[in-house]
Amino acid sequence: MNEHTRDRASGTRGRRALKIPVQRVDGFQQRHRSLGVTVAVFRKFGEDRSANLASMLAFWAFFSIFPLLLVLVTLLGFLLPVSMKDRVLSNVATMLPLLDPANVQGLSGAWWALILA
């Protein structure tokens, strides 16, 4: 028996040795449907690289929604009355821990600059 044949035979034995535990686990999953569904979902999640896709979705959603929120806040700054604008700014400042409510101010300037931007 040459070296190539011996390697092939040992590979076949290794696959047979692995096949028995895999068959036992597969049989257990077939008897317990909820476990089978759970394992199938995790397996499919890994095969589709879903974690990578979810992180890309979150990244691009943040970078597409954040500028829209800036435009919305700017529009509200121009359209809301002063008393309501101050109340909204103080509420937002208390929700965001990095902002000091005393330093948050409303926007001032020309409305046409928003359109040109």
PDB file of N, CA and C in Angstrom:
ATOM      1  N   MET A   1       0.857  -1.169   0.000  1.00  0.00           N
ATOM      2  CA  MET A   1       0.000   0.000   0.000  1.00  0.00           C
ATOM      3  C   MET A   1       0.910   1.241   0.000  1.00  0.00           C
ATOM      4  N   ASN A   2       0.720   2.104  -0.980  1.00  0.00           N
ATOM      5  CA  ASN A   2       1.583   3.287  -1.048  1.00  0.00           C
ATOM      6  C   ASN A   2       1.041   4.400  -0.146  1.00  0.00           C
ATOM      7  N   GLU A   3       1.786   5.493  -0.074  1.00  0.00           N
ATOM      8  CA  GLU A   3       1.440   6.579   0.849  1.00  0.00           C
ATOM      9  C   GLU A   3       0.122   7.257   0.483  1.00  0.00           C
ATOM     10  N   HIS A   4      -0.145   7.429  -0.817  1.00  0.00           N
ATOM     11  CA  HIS A   4      -1.375   8.086  -1.272  1.00  0.00           C
ATOM     12  C   HIS A   4      -2.608   7.264  -0.897  1.00  0.00           C
ATOM     13  N   THR A   5      -2.530   5.951  -1.070  1.00  0.00           N
ATOM     14  CA  THR A   5      -3.653   5.074  -0.732  1.00  0.00           C
ATOM     15  C   THR A   5      -3.892   5.074   0.775  1.00  0.00           C
ATOM     16  N   ARG A   6      -2.800   5.083   1.560  1.00  0.00           N
ATOM     17  CA  ARG A   6      -2.920   5.084   3.008  1.00  0.00           C
ATOM     18  C   ARG A   6      -3.587   6.384   3.490  1.00  0.00           C
ATOM     19  N   ASP A   7      -3.224   7.535   2.900  1.00  0.00           N
ATOM     20  CA  ASP A   7      -3.852   8.806   3.273  1.00  0.00           C
ATOM     21  C   ASP A   7      -5.333   8.797   2.951  1.00  0.00           C
ATOM     22  N   ARG A   8      -5.685   8.232   1.807  1.00  0.00           N
ATOM     23  CA  ARG A   8      -7.093   8.178   1.415  1.00  0.00           C
ATOM     24  C   ARG A   8      -7.873   7.273   2.362  1.00  0.00           C
ATOM     25  N   ALA A   9      -7.293   6.148   2.762  1.00  0.00           N
ATOM     26  CA  ALA A   9      -7.972   5.227   3.673  1.00  0.00           C
ATOM     27  C   ALA A   9      -8.151   5.859   5.053  1.00  0.00           C
ATOM     28  N   SER A  10      -7.146   6.568   5.545  1.00  0.00           N
ATOM     29  CA  SER A  10      -7.282   7.191   6.860  1.00  0.00           C
ATOM     30  C   SER A  10      -8.311   8.321   6.815  1.00  0.00           C
ATOM     31  N   GLY A  11      -8.415   9.027   5.680  1.00  0.00           N
ATOM     32  CA  GLY A  11      -9.437  10.059   5.529  1.00  0.00           C
ATOM     33  C   GLY A  11     -10.824   9.462   5.539  1.00  0.00           C
ATOM     34  N   THR A  12     -10.999   8.298   4.928  1.00  0.00           N
ATOM     35  CA  THR A  12     -12.296   7.626   4.912  1.00  0.00           C
ATOM     36  C   THR A  12     -12.672   7.184   6.322  1.00  0.00           C
ATOM     37  N   ARG A  13     -11.695   6.641   7.075  1.00  0.00           N
ATOM     38  CA  ARG A  13     -11.969   6.234   8.453  1.00  0.00           C
ATOM     39  C   ARG A  13     -12.358   7.438   9.304  1.00  0.00           C
ATOM     40  N   GLY A  14     -11.690   8.559   9.096  1.00  0.00           N
ATOM     41  CA  GLY A  14     -12.003   9.768   9.853  1.00  0.00           C
ATOM     42  C   GLY A  14     -13.411  10.259   9.565  1.00  0.00           C
ATOM     43  N   ARG A  15     -13.824  10.168   8.298  1.00  0.00           N
ATOM     44  CA  ARG A  15     -15.182  10.590   7.942  1.00  0.00           C
ATOM     45  C   ARG A  15     -16.214   9.656   8.552  1.00  0.00           C
ATOM     46  N   ARG A  16     -15.914   8.350   8.571  1.00  0.00           N
ATOM     47  CA  ARG A  16     -16.841   7.398   9.190  1.00  0.00           C
ATOM     48  C   ARG A  16     -16.952   7.651  10.690  1.00  0.00           C
ATOM     49  N   ALA A  17     -15.833   7.938  11.332  1.00  0.00           N
ATOM     50  CA  ALA A  17     -15.843   8.190  12.774  1.00  0.00           C
ATOM     51  C   ALA A  17     -16.628   9.462  13.096  1.00  0.00           C
ATOM     52  N   LEU A  18     -16.592  10.432  12.216  1.00  0.00           N
ATOM     53  CA  LEU A  18     -17.334  11.667  12.422  1.00  0.00           C
ATOM     54  C   LEU A  18     -18.804  11.500  12.076  1.00  0.00           C
ATOM     55  N   LYS A  19     -19.109  10.567  11.201  1.00  0.00           N
ATOM     56  CA  LYS A  19     -20.484  10.389  10.728  1.00  0.00           C
ATOM     57  C   LYS A  19     -21.412   9.886  11.836  1.00  0.00           C
ATOM     58  N   ILE A  20     -20.913   9.033  12.709  1.00  0.00           N
ATOM     59  CA  ILE A  20     -21.756   8.449  13.759  1.00  0.00           C
ATOM     60  C   ILE A  20     -22.249   9.515  14.747  1.00  0.00           C
ATOM     61  N   PRO A  21     -21.387  10.366  15.307  1.00  0.00           N
ATOM     62  CA  PRO A  21     -21.912  11.408  16.207  1.00  0.00           C
ATOM     63  C   PRO A  21     -22.830  12.401  15.489  1.00  0.00           C
ATOM     64  N   VAL A  22     -22.524  12.692  14.243  1.00  0.00           N
ATOM     65  CA  VAL A  22     -23.375  13.612  13.486  1.00  0.00           C
ATOM     66  C   VAL A  22     -24.756  13.000  13.295  1.00  0.00           C
ATOM     67  N   GLN A  23     -24.826  11.708  13.032  1.00  0.00           N
ATOM     68  CA  GLN A  23     -26.123  11.038  12.879  1.00  0.00           C
ATOM     69  C   GLN A  23     -26.895  11.043  14.195  1.00  0.00           C
ATOM     70  N   ARG A  24     -26.199  10.878  15.309  1.00  0.00           N
ATOM     71  CA  ARG A  24     -26.877  10.911  16.611  1.00  0.00           C
ATOM     72  C   ARG A  24     -27.462  12.295  16.890  1.00  0.00           C
ATOM     73  N   VAL A  25     -26.673  13.329  16.635  1.00  0.00           N
ATOM     74  CA  VAL A  25     -27.152  14.696  16.849  1.00  0.00           C
ATOM     75  C   VAL A  25     -28.312  14.996  15.911  1.00  0.00           C
ATOM     76  N   ASP A  26     -28.209  14.547  14.665  1.00  0.00           N
ATOM     77  CA  ASP A  26     -29.283  14.769  13.698  1.00  0.00           C
ATOM     78  C   ASP A  26     -30.564  14.062  14.136  1.00  0.00           C
ATOM     79  N   GLY A  27     -30.442  12.839  14.632  1.00  0.00           N
ATOM     80  CA  GLY A  27     -31.614  12.123  15.128  1.00  0.00           C
ATOM     81  C   GLY A  27     -32.243  12.819  16.324  1.00  0.00           C
ATOM     82  N   PHE A  28     -31.409  13.342  17.223  1.00  0.00           N
ATOM     83  CA  PHE A  28     -31.919  14.077  18.383  1.00  0.00           C
ATOM     84  C   PHE A  28     -32.679  15.320  17.936  1.00  0.00           C
ATOM     85  N   GLN A  29     -32.145  16.028  16.943  1.00  0.00           N
ATOM     86  CA  GLN A  29     -32.826  17.217  16.426  1.00  0.00           C
ATOM     87  C   GLN A  29     -34.156  16.862  15.777  1.00  0.00           C
ATOM     88  N   GLN A  30     -34.210  15.733  15.097  1.00  0.00           N
ATOM     89  CA  GLN A  30     -35.456  15.330  14.448  1.00  0.00           C
ATOM     90  C   GLN A  30     -36.521  14.959  15.471  1.00  0.00           C
ATOM     91  N   ARG A  31     -36.099  14.415  16.612  1.00  0.00           N
ATOM     92  CA  ARG A  31     -37.067  14.079  17.651  1.00  0.00           C
ATOM     93  C   ARG A  31     -37.537  15.318  18.409  1.00  0.00           C
ATOM     94  N   HIS A  32     -36.714  16.314  18.506  1.00  0.00           N
ATOM     95  CA  HIS A  32     -37.037  17.553  19.218  1.00  0.00           C
ATOM     96  C   HIS A  32     -37.078  18.695  18.200  1.00  0.00           C
ATOM     97  N   ARG A  33     -38.250  18.972  17.687  1.00  0.00           N
ATOM     98  CA  ARG A  33     -38.415  19.932  16.586  1.00  0.00           C
ATOM     99  C   ARG A  33     -37.942  21.340  16.940  1.00  0.00           C
ATOM    100  N   SER A  34     -38.226  21.785  18.160  1.00  0.00           N
ATOM    101  CA  SER A  34     -37.844  23.161  18.512  1.00  0.00           C
ATOM    102  C   SER A  34     -36.322  23.331  18.487  1.00  0.00           C
ATOM    103  N   LEU A  35     -35.600  22.331  18.936  1.00  0.00           N
ATOM    104  CA  LEU A  35     -34.142  22.392  18.877  1.00  0.00           C
ATOM    105  C   LEU A  35     -33.666  22.358  17.431  1.00  0.00           C
ATOM    106  N   GLY A  36     -34.326  21.561  16.605  1.00  0.00           N
ATOM    107  CA  GLY A  36     -33.959  21.488  15.193  1.00  0.00           C
ATOM    108  C   GLY A  36     -34.146  22.818  14.484  1.00  0.00           C
ATOM    109  N   VAL A  37     -35.247  23.492  14.785  1.00  0.00           N
ATOM    110  CA  VAL A  37     -35.501  24.801  14.174  1.00  0.00           C
ATOM    111  C   VAL A  37     -34.457  25.809  14.645  1.00  0.00           C
ATOM    112  N   THR A  38     -34.139  25.778  15.932  1.00  0.00           N
ATOM    113  CA  THR A  38     -33.149  26.708  16.478  1.00  0.00           C
ATOM    114  C   THR A  38     -31.784  26.499  15.834  1.00  0.00           C
ATOM    115  N   VAL A  39     -31.367  25.255  15.729  1.00  0.00           N
ATOM    116  CA  VAL A  39     -30.073  24.956  15.110  1.00  0.00           C
ATOM    117  C   VAL A  39     -30.081  25.362  13.642  1.00  0.00           C
ATOM    118  N   ALA A  40     -31.183  25.109  12.946  1.00  0.00           N
ATOM    119  CA  ALA A  40     -31.269  25.475  11.528  1.00  0.00           C
ATOM    120  C   ALA A  40     -31.198  26.985  11.333  1.00  0.00           C
ATOM    121  N   VAL A  41     -31.843  27.728  12.218  1.00  0.00           N
ATOM    122  CA  VAL A  41     -31.801  29.195  12.112  1.00  0.00           C
ATOM    123  C   VAL A  41     -30.379  29.701  12.332  1.00  0.00           C
ATOM    124  N   PHE A  42     -29.698  29.201  13.356  1.00  0.00           N
ATOM    125  CA  PHE A  42     -28.323  29.641  13.603  1.00  0.00           C
ATOM    126  C   PHE A  42     -27.394  29.233  12.467  1.00  0.00           C
ATOM    127  N   ARG A  43     -27.594  28.049  11.934  1.00  0.00           N
ATOM    128  CA  ARG A  43     -26.754  27.594  10.819  1.00  0.00           C
ATOM    129  C   ARG A  43     -26.969  28.485   9.597  1.00  0.00           C
ATOM    130  N   LYS A  44     -28.225  28.771   9.271  1.00  0.00           N
ATOM    131  CA  LYS A  44     -28.525  29.622   8.117  1.00  0.00           C
ATOM    132  C   LYS A  44     -28.022  31.044   8.350  1.00  0.00           C
ATOM    133  N   PHE A  45     -28.118  31.525   9.582  1.00  0.00           N
ATOM    134  CA  PHE A  45     -27.602  32.850   9.932  1.00  0.00           C
ATOM    135  C   PHE A  45     -26.103  32.925   9.638  1.00  0.00           C
ATOM    136  N   GLY A  46     -25.382  31.879   9.991  1.00  0.00           N
ATOM    137  CA  GLY A  46     -23.942  31.849   9.730  1.00  0.00           C
ATOM    138  C   GLY A  46     -23.613  31.679   8.265  1.00  0.00           C
ATOM    139  N   GLU A  47     -24.370  30.845   7.554  1.00  0.00           N
ATOM    140  CA  GLU A  47     -24.101  30.616   6.132  1.00  0.00           C
ATOM    141  C   GLU A  47     -24.304  31.876   5.311  1.00  0.00           C
ATOM    142  N   ASP A  48     -25.300  32.656   5.659  1.00  0.00           N
ATOM    143  CA  ASP A  48     -25.614  33.864   4.889  1.00  0.00           C
ATOM    144  C   ASP A  48     -24.790  35.071   5.323  1.00  0.00           C
ATOM    145  N   ARG A  49     -23.892  34.886   6.293  1.00  0.00           N
ATOM    146  CA  ARG A  49     -23.097  35.993   6.837  1.00  0.00           C
ATOM    147  C   ARG A  49     -24.010  37.131   7.284  1.00  0.00           C
ATOM    148  N   SER A  50     -25.054  36.762   7.992  1.00  0.00           N
ATOM    149  CA  SER A  50     -26.074  37.733   8.392  1.00  0.00           C
ATOM    150  C   SER A  50     -25.551  38.780   9.366  1.00  0.00           C
ATOM    151  N   ALA A  51     -24.603  38.424  10.208  1.00  0.00           N
ATOM    152  CA  ALA A  51     -24.057  39.416  11.137  1.00  0.00           C
ATOM    153  C   ALA A  51     -23.368  40.535  10.361  1.00  0.00           C
ATOM    154  N   ASN A  52     -22.649  40.161   9.316  1.00  0.00           N
ATOM    155  CA  ASN A  52     -21.988  41.166   8.479  1.00  0.00           C
ATOM    156  C   ASN A  52     -23.024  42.043   7.778  1.00  0.00           C
ATOM    157  N   LEU A  53     -24.066  41.430   7.260  1.00  0.00           N
ATOM    158  CA  LEU A  53     -25.105  42.196   6.575  1.00  0.00           C
ATOM    159  C   LEU A  53     -25.848  43.118   7.539  1.00  0.00           C
ATOM    160  N   ALA A  54     -26.106  42.636   8.749  1.00  0.00           N
ATOM    161  CA  ALA A  54     -26.800  43.464   9.740  1.00  0.00           C
ATOM    162  C   ALA A  54     -25.949  44.664  10.148  1.00  0.00           C
ATOM    163  N   SER A  55     -24.653  44.449  10.299  1.00  0.00           N
ATOM    164  CA  SER A  55     -23.790  45.581  10.660  1.00  0.00           C
ATOM    165  C   SER A  55     -23.699  46.589   9.520  1.00  0.00           C
ATOM    166  N   MET A  56     -23.654  46.114   8.283  1.00  0.00           N
ATOM    167  CA  MET A  56     -23.642  47.046   7.150  1.00  0.00           C
ATOM    168  C   MET A  56     -24.946  47.823   7.069  1.00  0.00           C
ATOM    169  N   LEU A  57     -26.059  47.156   7.321  1.00  0.00           N
ATOM    170  CA  LEU A  57     -27.355  47.830   7.295  1.00  0.00           C
ATOM    171  C   LEU A  57     -27.426  48.915   8.369  1.00  0.00           C
ATOM    172  N   ALA A  58     -26.970  48.603   9.575  1.00  0.00           N
ATOM    173  CA  ALA A  58     -26.987  49.596  10.654  1.00  0.00           C
ATOM    174  C   ALA A  58     -26.069  50.774  10.333  1.00  0.00           C
ATOM    175  N   PHE A  59     -24.908  50.484   9.783  1.00  0.00           N
ATOM    176  CA  PHE A  59     -23.953  51.535   9.434  1.00  0.00           C
ATOM    177  C   PHE A  59     -24.537  52.486   8.402  1.00  0.00           C
ATOM    178  N   TRP A  60     -25.066  51.936   7.321  1.00  0.00           N
ATOM    179  CA  TRP A  60     -25.585  52.797   6.254  1.00  0.00           C
ATOM    180  C   TRP A  60     -26.902  53.457   6.646  1.00  0.00           C
ATOM    181  N   ALA A  61     -27.681  52.816   7.488  1.00  0.00           N
ATOM    182  CA  ALA A  61     -28.910  53.453   7.964  1.00  0.00           C
ATOM    183  C   ALA A  61     -28.572  54.672   8.813  1.00  0.00           C
ATOM    184  N   PHE A  62     -27.568  54.539   9.669  1.00  0.00           N
ATOM    185  CA  PHE A  62     -27.161  55.681  10.493  1.00  0.00           C
ATOM    186  C   PHE A  62     -26.683  56.829   9.619  1.00  0.00           C
ATOM    187  N   PHE A  63     -25.853  56.530   8.639  1.00  0.00           N
ATOM    188  CA  PHE A  63     -25.301  57.598   7.808  1.00  0.00           C
ATOM    189  C   PHE A  63     -26.296  58.159   6.808  1.00  0.00           C
ATOM    190  N   SER A  64     -27.403  57.480   6.584  1.00  0.00           N
ATOM    191  CA  SER A  64     -28.420  58.072   5.712  1.00  0.00           C
ATOM    192  C   SER A  64     -29.499  58.794   6.520  1.00  0.00           C
ATOM    193  N   ILE A  65     -29.769  58.343   7.731  1.00  0.00           N
ATOM    194  CA  ILE A  65     -30.814  58.964   8.543  1.00  0.00           C
ATOM    195  C   ILE A  65     -30.284  60.180   9.304  1.00  0.00           C
ATOM    196  N   PHE A  66     -29.042  60.145   9.723  1.00  0.00           N
ATOM    197  CA  PHE A  66     -28.486  61.244  10.510  1.00  0.00           C
ATOM    198  C   PHE A  66     -28.566  62.592   9.787  1.00  0.00           C
ATOM    199  N   PRO A  67     -28.192  62.705   8.512  1.00  0.00           N
ATOM    200  CA  PRO A  67     -28.352  64.005   7.832  1.00  0.00           C
ATOM    201  C   PRO A  67     -29.814  64.441   7.722  1.00  0.00           C
ATOM    202  N   LEU A  68     -30.713  63.486   7.547  1.00  0.00           N
ATOM    203  CA  LEU A  68     -32.130  63.843   7.497  1.00  0.00           C
ATOM    204  C   LEU A  68     -32.612  64.396   8.833  1.00  0.00           C
ATOM    205  N   LEU A  69     -32.127  63.836   9.920  1.00  0.00           N
ATOM    206  CA  LEU A  69     -32.488  64.363  11.240  1.00  0.00           C
ATOM    207  C   LEU A  69     -31.934  65.774  11.443  1.00  0.00           C
ATOM    208  N   LEU A  70     -30.747  66.029  10.932  1.00  0.00           N
ATOM    209  CA  LEU A  70     -30.198  67.383  11.029  1.00  0.00           C
ATOM    210  C   LEU A  70     -31.057  68.381  10.266  1.00  0.00           C
ATOM    211  N   VAL A  71     -31.512  67.996   9.085  1.00  0.00           N
ATOM    212  CA  VAL A  71     -32.387  68.874   8.304  1.00  0.00           C
ATOM    213  C   VAL A  71     -33.706  69.086   9.038  1.00  0.00           C
ATOM    214  N   LEU A  72     -34.257  68.014   9.618  1.00  0.00           N
ATOM    215  CA  LEU A  72     -35.513  68.128  10.353  1.00  0.00           C
ATOM    216  C   LEU A  72     -35.378  69.074  11.547  1.00  0.00           C
ATOM    217  N   VAL A  73     -34.297  68.934  12.289  1.00  0.00           N
ATOM    218  CA  VAL A  73     -34.074  69.814  13.443  1.00  0.00           C
ATOM    219  C   VAL A  73     -33.910  71.260  12.985  1.00  0.00           C
ATOM    220  N   THR A  74     -33.220  71.448  11.880  1.00  0.00           N
ATOM    221  CA  THR A  74     -33.050  72.809  11.354  1.00  0.00           C
ATOM    222  C   THR A  74     -34.386  73.406  10.949  1.00  0.00           C
ATOM    223  N   LEU A  75     -35.199  72.624  10.263  1.00  0.00           N
ATOM    224  CA  LEU A  75     -36.524  73.116   9.871  1.00  0.00           C
ATOM    225  C   LEU A  75     -37.383  73.437  11.085  1.00  0.00           C
ATOM    226  N   LEU A  76     -37.344  72.564  12.084  1.00  0.00           N
ATOM    227  CA  LEU A  76     -38.115  72.838  13.300  1.00  0.00           C
ATOM    228  C   LEU A  76     -37.617  74.104  13.985  1.00  0.00           C
ATOM    229  N   GLY A  77     -36.314  74.347  13.919  1.00  0.00           N
ATOM    230  CA  GLY A  77     -35.765  75.562  14.509  1.00  0.00           C
ATOM    231  C   GLY A  77     -36.286  76.818  13.836  1.00  0.00           C
ATOM    232  N   PHE A  78     -36.529  76.739  12.537  1.00  0.00           N
ATOM    233  CA  PHE A  78     -37.049  77.904  11.821  1.00  0.00           C
ATOM    234  C   PHE A  78     -38.565  78.030  11.937  1.00  0.00           C
ATOM    235  N   LEU A  79     -39.270  76.915  12.068  1.00  0.00           N
ATOM    236  CA  LEU A  79     -40.727  76.943  12.012  1.00  0.00           C
ATOM    237  C   LEU A  79     -41.418  77.045  13.373  1.00  0.00           C
ATOM    238  N   LEU A  80     -40.805  76.506  14.420  1.00  0.00           N
ATOM    239  CA  LEU A  80     -41.455  76.512  15.735  1.00  0.00           C
ATOM    240  C   LEU A  80     -41.363  77.884  16.391  1.00  0.00           C
ATOM    241  N   PRO A  81     -42.358  78.215  17.216  1.00  0.00           N
ATOM    242  CA  PRO A  81     -42.249  79.442  18.017  1.00  0.00           C
ATOM    243  C   PRO A  81     -41.103  79.313  19.024  1.00  0.00           C
ATOM    244  N   VAL A  82     -40.601  80.435  19.496  1.00  0.00           N
ATOM    245  CA  VAL A  82     -39.424  80.457  20.373  1.00  0.00           C
ATOM    246  C   VAL A  82     -39.653  79.654  21.652  1.00  0.00           C
ATOM    247  N   SER A  83     -40.823  79.781  22.271  1.00  0.00           N
ATOM    248  CA  SER A  83     -41.074  79.069  23.531  1.00  0.00           C
ATOM    249  C   SER A  83     -41.065  77.555  23.322  1.00  0.00           C
ATOM    250  N   MET A  84     -41.690  77.101  22.251  1.00  0.00           N
ATOM    251  CA  MET A  84     -41.730  75.664  21.984  1.00  0.00           C
ATOM    252  C   MET A  84     -40.345  75.160  21.573  1.00  0.00           C
ATOM    253  N   LYS A  85     -39.614  75.953  20.828  1.00  0.00           N
ATOM    254  CA  LYS A  85     -38.271  75.568  20.406  1.00  0.00           C
ATOM    255  C   LYS A  85     -37.364  75.380  21.619  1.00  0.00           C
ATOM    256  N   ASP A  86     -37.447  76.288  22.588  1.00  0.00           N
ATOM    257  CA  ASP A  86     -36.633  76.167  23.800  1.00  0.00           C
ATOM    258  C   ASP A  86     -37.009  74.931  24.606  1.00  0.00           C
ATOM    259  N   ARG A  87     -38.299  74.629  24.664  1.00  0.00           N
ATOM    260  CA  ARG A  87     -38.751  73.444  25.393  1.00  0.00           C
ATOM    261  C   ARG A  87     -38.254  72.167  24.709  1.00  0.00           C
ATOM    262  N   VAL A  88     -38.324  72.110  23.385  1.00  0.00           N
ATOM    263  CA  VAL A  88     -37.841  70.934  22.642  1.00  0.00           C
ATOM    264  C   VAL A  88     -36.339  70.774  22.828  1.00  0.00           C
ATOM    265  N   LEU A  89     -35.590  71.858  22.726  1.00  0.00           N
ATOM    266  CA  LEU A  89     -34.137  71.784  22.898  1.00  0.00           C
ATOM    267  C   LEU A  89     -33.749  71.337  24.301  1.00  0.00           C
ATOM    268  N   SER A  90     -34.458  71.800  25.313  1.00  0.00           N
ATOM    269  CA  SER A  90     -34.132  71.369  26.679  1.00  0.00           C
ATOM    270  C   SER A  90     -34.466  69.894  26.882  1.00  0.00           C
ATOM    271  N   ASN A  91     -35.560  69.423  26.292  1.00  0.00           N
ATOM    272  CA  ASN A  91     -35.898  67.995  26.391  1.00  0.00           C
ATOM    273  C   ASN A  91     -34.861  67.136  25.684  1.00  0.00           C
ATOM    274  N   VAL A  92     -34.430  67.553  24.521  1.00  0.00           N
ATOM    275  CA  VAL A  92     -33.411  66.790  23.788  1.00  0.00           C
ATOM    276  C   VAL A  92     -32.098  66.798  24.555  1.00  0.00           C
ATOM    277  N   ALA A  93     -31.739  67.928  25.129  1.00  0.00           N
ATOM    278  CA  ALA A  93     -30.485  68.021  25.884  1.00  0.00           C
ATOM    279  C   ALA A  93     -30.496  67.118  27.111  1.00  0.00           C
ATOM    280  N   THR A  94     -31.643  66.938  27.748  1.00  0.00           N
ATOM    281  CA  THR A  94     -31.697  66.043  28.908  1.00  0.00           C
ATOM    282  C   THR A  94     -31.638  64.578  28.492  1.00  0.00           C
ATOM    283  N   MET A  95     -32.074  64.254  27.278  1.00  0.00           N
ATOM    284  CA  MET A  95     -32.025  62.865  26.802  1.00  0.00           C
ATOM    285  C   MET A  95     -30.621  62.457  26.373  1.00  0.00           C
ATOM    286  N   LEU A  96     -29.829  63.392  25.920  1.00  0.00           N
ATOM    287  CA  LEU A  96     -28.467  63.102  25.477  1.00  0.00           C
ATOM    288  C   LEU A  96     -27.497  63.506  26.581  1.00  0.00           C
ATOM    289  N   PRO A  97     -26.828  62.538  27.201  1.00  0.00           N
ATOM    290  CA  PRO A  97     -26.014  62.839  28.381  1.00  0.00           C
ATOM    291  C   PRO A  97     -24.774  63.685  28.086  1.00  0.00           C
ATOM    292  N   LEU A  98     -24.317  63.735  26.857  1.00  0.00           N
ATOM    293  CA  LEU A  98     -23.107  64.489  26.546  1.00  0.00           C
ATOM    294  C   LEU A  98     -23.368  65.974  26.326  1.00  0.00           C
ATOM    295  N   LEU A  99     -24.631  66.352  26.219  1.00  0.00           N
ATOM    296  CA  LEU A  99     -24.966  67.752  25.988  1.00  0.00           C
ATOM    297  C   LEU A  99     -25.312  68.434  27.305  1.00  0.00           C
ATOM    298  N   ASP A 100     -24.759  69.585  27.502  1.00  0.00           N
ATOM    299  CA  ASP A 100     -25.091  70.390  28.672  1.00  0.00           C
ATOM    300  C   ASP A 100     -26.311  71.238  28.328  1.00  0.00           C
ATOM    301  N   PRO A 101     -27.421  71.076  29.045  1.00  0.00           N
ATOM    302  CA  PRO A 101     -28.635  71.833  28.707  1.00  0.00           C
ATOM    303  C   PRO A 101     -28.431  73.345  28.690  1.00  0.00           C
ATOM    304  N   ALA A 102     -27.469  73.859  29.452  1.00  0.00           N
ATOM    305  CA  ALA A 102     -27.240  75.303  29.475  1.00  0.00           C
ATOM    306  C   ALA A 102     -26.578  75.798  28.189  1.00  0.00           C
ATOM    307  N   ASN A 103     -25.871  74.904  27.487  1.00  0.00           N
ATOM    308  CA  ASN A 103     -25.149  75.314  26.282  1.00  0.00           C
ATOM    309  C   ASN A 103     -25.915  75.060  24.991  1.00  0.00           C
ATOM    310  N   VAL A 104     -27.054  74.400  25.067  1.00  0.00           N
ATOM    311  CA  VAL A 104     -27.825  74.108  23.862  1.00  0.00           C
ATOM    312  C   VAL A 104     -28.611  75.347  23.478  1.00  0.00           C
ATOM    313  N   GLN A 105     -28.453  75.755  22.216  1.00  0.00           N
ATOM    314  CA  GLN A 105     -29.138  76.948  21.727  1.00  0.00           C
ATOM    315  C   GLN A 105     -29.845  76.616  20.427  1.00  0.00           C
ATOM    316  N   GLY A 106     -30.812  77.421  20.097  1.00  0.00           N
ATOM    317  CA  GLY A 106     -31.495  77.267  18.829  1.00  0.00           C
ATOM    318  C   GLY A 106     -30.644  77.781  17.678  1.00  0.00           C
ATOM    319  N   LEU A 107     -31.011  77.402  16.484  1.00  0.00           N
ATOM    320  CA  LEU A 107     -30.299  77.853  15.297  1.00  0.00           C
ATOM    321  C   LEU A 107     -30.761  79.242  14.902  1.00  0.00           C
ATOM    322  N   SER A 108     -29.854  79.971  14.340  1.00  0.00           N
ATOM    323  CA  SER A 108     -30.227  81.275  13.806  1.00  0.00           C
ATOM    324  C   SER A 108     -29.519  81.441  12.471  1.00  0.00           C
ATOM    325  N   GLY A 109     -30.124  82.168  11.596  1.00  0.00           N
ATOM    326  CA  GLY A 109     -29.525  82.380  10.287  1.00  0.00           C
ATOM    327  C   GLY A 109     -30.602  82.496   9.232  1.00  0.00           C
ATOM    328  N   ALA A 110     -30.188  82.403   7.999  1.00  0.00           N
ATOM    329  CA  ALA A 110     -31.107  82.560   6.875  1.00  0.00           C
ATOM    330  C   ALA A 110     -31.676  81.207   6.469  1.00  0.00           C
ATOM    331  N   TRP A 111     -32.966  81.157   6.195  1.00  0.00           N
ATOM    332  CA  TRP A 111     -33.623  79.906   5.803  1.00  0.00           C
ATOM    333  C   TRP A 111     -33.178  79.460   4.422  1.00  0.00           C
ATOM    334  N   TRP A 112     -32.786  80.391   3.571  1.00  0.00           N
ATOM    335  CA  TRP A 112     -32.396  80.025   2.213  1.00  0.00           C
ATOM    336  C   TRP A 112     -31.068  79.265   2.192  1.00  0.00           C
ATOM    337  N   ALA A 113     -30.246  79.380   3.258  1.00  0.00           N
ATOM    338  CA  ALA A 113     -28.993  78.624   3.333  1.00  0.00           C
ATOM    339  C   ALA A 113     -29.278  77.131   3.429  1.00  0.00           C
ATOM    340  N   LEU A 114     -30.377  76.770   4.073  1.00  0.00           N
ATOM    341  CA  LEU A 114     -30.764  75.363   4.163  1.00  0.00           C
ATOM    342  C   LEU A 114     -31.118  74.817   2.792  1.00  0.00           C
ATOM    343  N   ILE A 115     -31.793  75.612   1.991  1.00  0.00           N
ATOM    344  CA  ILE A 115     -32.189  75.162   0.656  1.00  0.00           C
ATOM    345  C   ILE A 115     -30.969  75.006  -0.241  1.00  0.00           C
ATOM    346  N   LEU A 116     -30.012  75.910  -0.140  1.00  0.00           N
ATOM    347  CA  LEU A 116     -28.806  75.825  -0.956  1.00  0.00           C
ATOM    348  C   LEU A 116     -27.911  74.668  -0.543  1.00  0.00           C
ATOM    349  N   ALA A 117     -27.961  74.296   0.729  1.00  0.00           N
ATOM    350  CA  ALA A 117     -27.120  73.200   1.212  1.00  0.00           C
ATOM    351  C   ALA A 117     -27.705  71.912   0.728  1.00  0.00           C
TER     352      ALA A 117
END
